[in-house]
Protein backbone atom coordinates (compact mmCIF):
# COMPACT_ATOMS: atom_id res chain seq x y z
CA UNK A 1 22.27 38.39 -148.20
CA UNK A 2 22.50 41.99 -149.41
CA UNK A 3 18.79 42.55 -148.84
CA UNK A 4 19.18 41.39 -145.24
CA UNK A 5 22.40 43.27 -144.49
CA UNK A 6 21.89 46.59 -146.24
CA UNK A 7 20.81 49.49 -144.07
CA UNK A 8 17.25 50.51 -144.82
CA UNK A 9 17.01 53.70 -146.87
CA UNK A 10 14.27 54.95 -144.54
CA UNK A 11 16.69 54.73 -141.59
CA UNK A 12 19.36 56.63 -143.49
CA UNK A 13 16.90 59.30 -144.60
CA UNK A 14 15.48 59.73 -141.10
CA UNK A 15 18.97 60.34 -139.68
CA UNK A 16 20.02 62.94 -142.26
CA UNK A 17 20.68 66.52 -141.26
CA UNK A 18 21.23 69.45 -143.62
CA UNK A 19 24.94 69.36 -142.74
CA UNK A 20 25.12 65.67 -143.65
CA UNK A 21 23.37 66.32 -146.97
CA UNK A 22 25.81 69.16 -147.72
CA UNK A 23 28.75 66.87 -146.91
CA UNK A 24 27.34 64.13 -149.15
CA UNK A 25 26.83 66.66 -151.94
CA UNK A 26 30.46 67.78 -151.67
CA UNK A 27 31.82 64.20 -151.57
CA UNK A 28 29.69 63.17 -154.56
CA UNK A 29 30.89 66.23 -156.44
CA UNK A 30 34.54 65.42 -155.74
CA UNK A 31 34.09 61.82 -156.89
CA UNK A 32 32.08 62.76 -159.97
CA UNK A 33 34.50 65.42 -161.17
CA UNK A 34 37.45 63.11 -160.45
CA UNK A 35 35.72 60.49 -162.59
CA UNK A 36 35.44 62.99 -165.42
CA UNK A 37 39.20 63.63 -165.27
CA UNK A 38 39.79 59.89 -165.18
CA UNK A 39 37.61 59.45 -168.25
CA UNK A 40 39.63 62.09 -170.13
CA UNK A 41 42.90 60.39 -169.16
CA UNK A 42 41.49 56.98 -170.16
CA UNK A 43 40.55 58.34 -173.57
CA UNK A 44 44.08 59.69 -173.96
CA UNK A 45 45.96 56.62 -172.70
CA UNK A 46 43.75 53.84 -174.07
CA UNK A 47 42.33 55.38 -177.26
CA UNK A 48 45.12 57.79 -178.14
CA UNK A 49 42.88 60.86 -178.08
CA UNK A 50 44.58 64.17 -177.35
CA UNK A 51 44.09 65.56 -173.87
CA UNK A 52 41.47 68.29 -173.88
CA UNK A 53 43.35 70.85 -171.77
CA UNK A 54 40.36 73.16 -171.46
CA UNK A 55 38.16 70.32 -170.19
CA UNK A 56 40.82 69.22 -167.70
CA UNK A 57 41.13 72.77 -166.41
CA UNK A 58 37.35 72.99 -166.06
CA UNK A 59 37.17 69.69 -164.14
CA UNK A 60 40.04 70.71 -161.85
CA UNK A 61 38.16 73.91 -161.07
CA UNK A 62 35.03 71.89 -160.32
CA UNK A 63 37.03 69.66 -157.95
CA UNK A 64 38.38 72.75 -156.16
CA UNK A 65 34.80 73.99 -155.81
CA UNK A 66 33.62 70.77 -154.16
CA UNK A 67 36.78 70.49 -152.04
CA UNK A 68 36.06 73.96 -150.66
CA UNK A 69 32.45 72.98 -149.98
CA UNK A 70 33.72 69.91 -148.09
CA UNK A 71 36.31 71.88 -146.12
CA UNK A 72 33.79 74.57 -145.23
CA UNK A 73 31.34 71.92 -144.03
CA UNK A 74 34.00 70.51 -141.71
CA UNK A 75 35.41 73.88 -140.60
CA UNK A 76 38.74 73.26 -142.28
CA UNK A 77 40.95 75.37 -144.50
CA UNK A 78 42.90 74.46 -147.61
CA UNK A 79 46.08 75.37 -145.76
CA UNK A 80 45.25 72.90 -142.96
CA UNK A 81 44.68 70.13 -145.50
CA UNK A 82 47.95 70.88 -147.30
CA UNK A 83 49.91 71.10 -144.03
CA UNK A 84 48.47 67.78 -142.87
CA UNK A 85 49.43 66.17 -146.18
CA UNK A 86 53.00 67.49 -145.97
CA UNK A 87 53.35 66.06 -142.44
CA UNK A 88 51.94 62.70 -143.56
CA UNK A 89 54.29 62.42 -146.53
CA UNK A 90 57.30 63.53 -144.49
CA UNK A 91 56.58 60.70 -142.05
CA UNK A 92 55.99 58.19 -144.84
CA UNK A 93 59.18 59.06 -146.73
CA UNK A 94 61.22 60.19 -143.73
CA UNK A 95 61.79 63.56 -145.38
CA UNK A 96 63.63 62.02 -148.33
CA UNK A 97 62.76 60.95 -151.84
CA UNK A 98 60.02 58.61 -152.97
CA UNK A 99 60.72 54.90 -152.80
CA UNK A 100 58.49 51.95 -153.63
CA UNK A 101 59.38 50.37 -150.30
CA UNK A 102 58.31 53.42 -148.29
CA UNK A 103 55.10 53.63 -150.33
CA UNK A 104 54.33 50.01 -149.48
CA UNK A 105 55.32 50.14 -145.79
CA UNK A 106 53.49 53.46 -145.22
CA UNK A 107 55.02 54.45 -141.89
CA UNK A 108 52.28 57.06 -141.49
CA UNK A 109 49.65 54.28 -141.31
CA UNK A 110 51.34 52.04 -138.74
CA UNK A 111 49.45 51.63 -135.49
CA UNK A 112 51.46 52.93 -132.56
CA UNK A 113 48.95 52.49 -129.79
CA UNK A 114 47.99 56.14 -130.08
CA UNK A 115 45.30 57.43 -132.32
CA UNK A 116 45.76 60.39 -134.63
CA UNK A 117 42.19 60.11 -135.84
CA UNK A 118 40.23 63.23 -135.10
CA UNK A 119 36.58 63.72 -135.78
CA UNK A 120 36.34 66.03 -138.73
């Protein structure tokens, strides 16, 4: 089934543009560096190893690097991303404190008939 349904690599490659490759590079970098932080936390939580603060700081810097690459690719700023996140969380939690119920209901994700999705 997978062999029949998977998009052919040749089709993907033929459609790539330099901008798309740059975006993929940034997204892969974000995921990879996030995985490295996750691995450090796993070692701490599961195996009782001390957190390597220098390594965490290095990985956070790497994530910032790839986030900036991603934002630049899409013509966005860090401030725009942070502002958008604040608005989303204010809607989700109605400007008050965290609650499990609000986290589950996720008012910011309810479909209202309008679309807030913008092409980035």
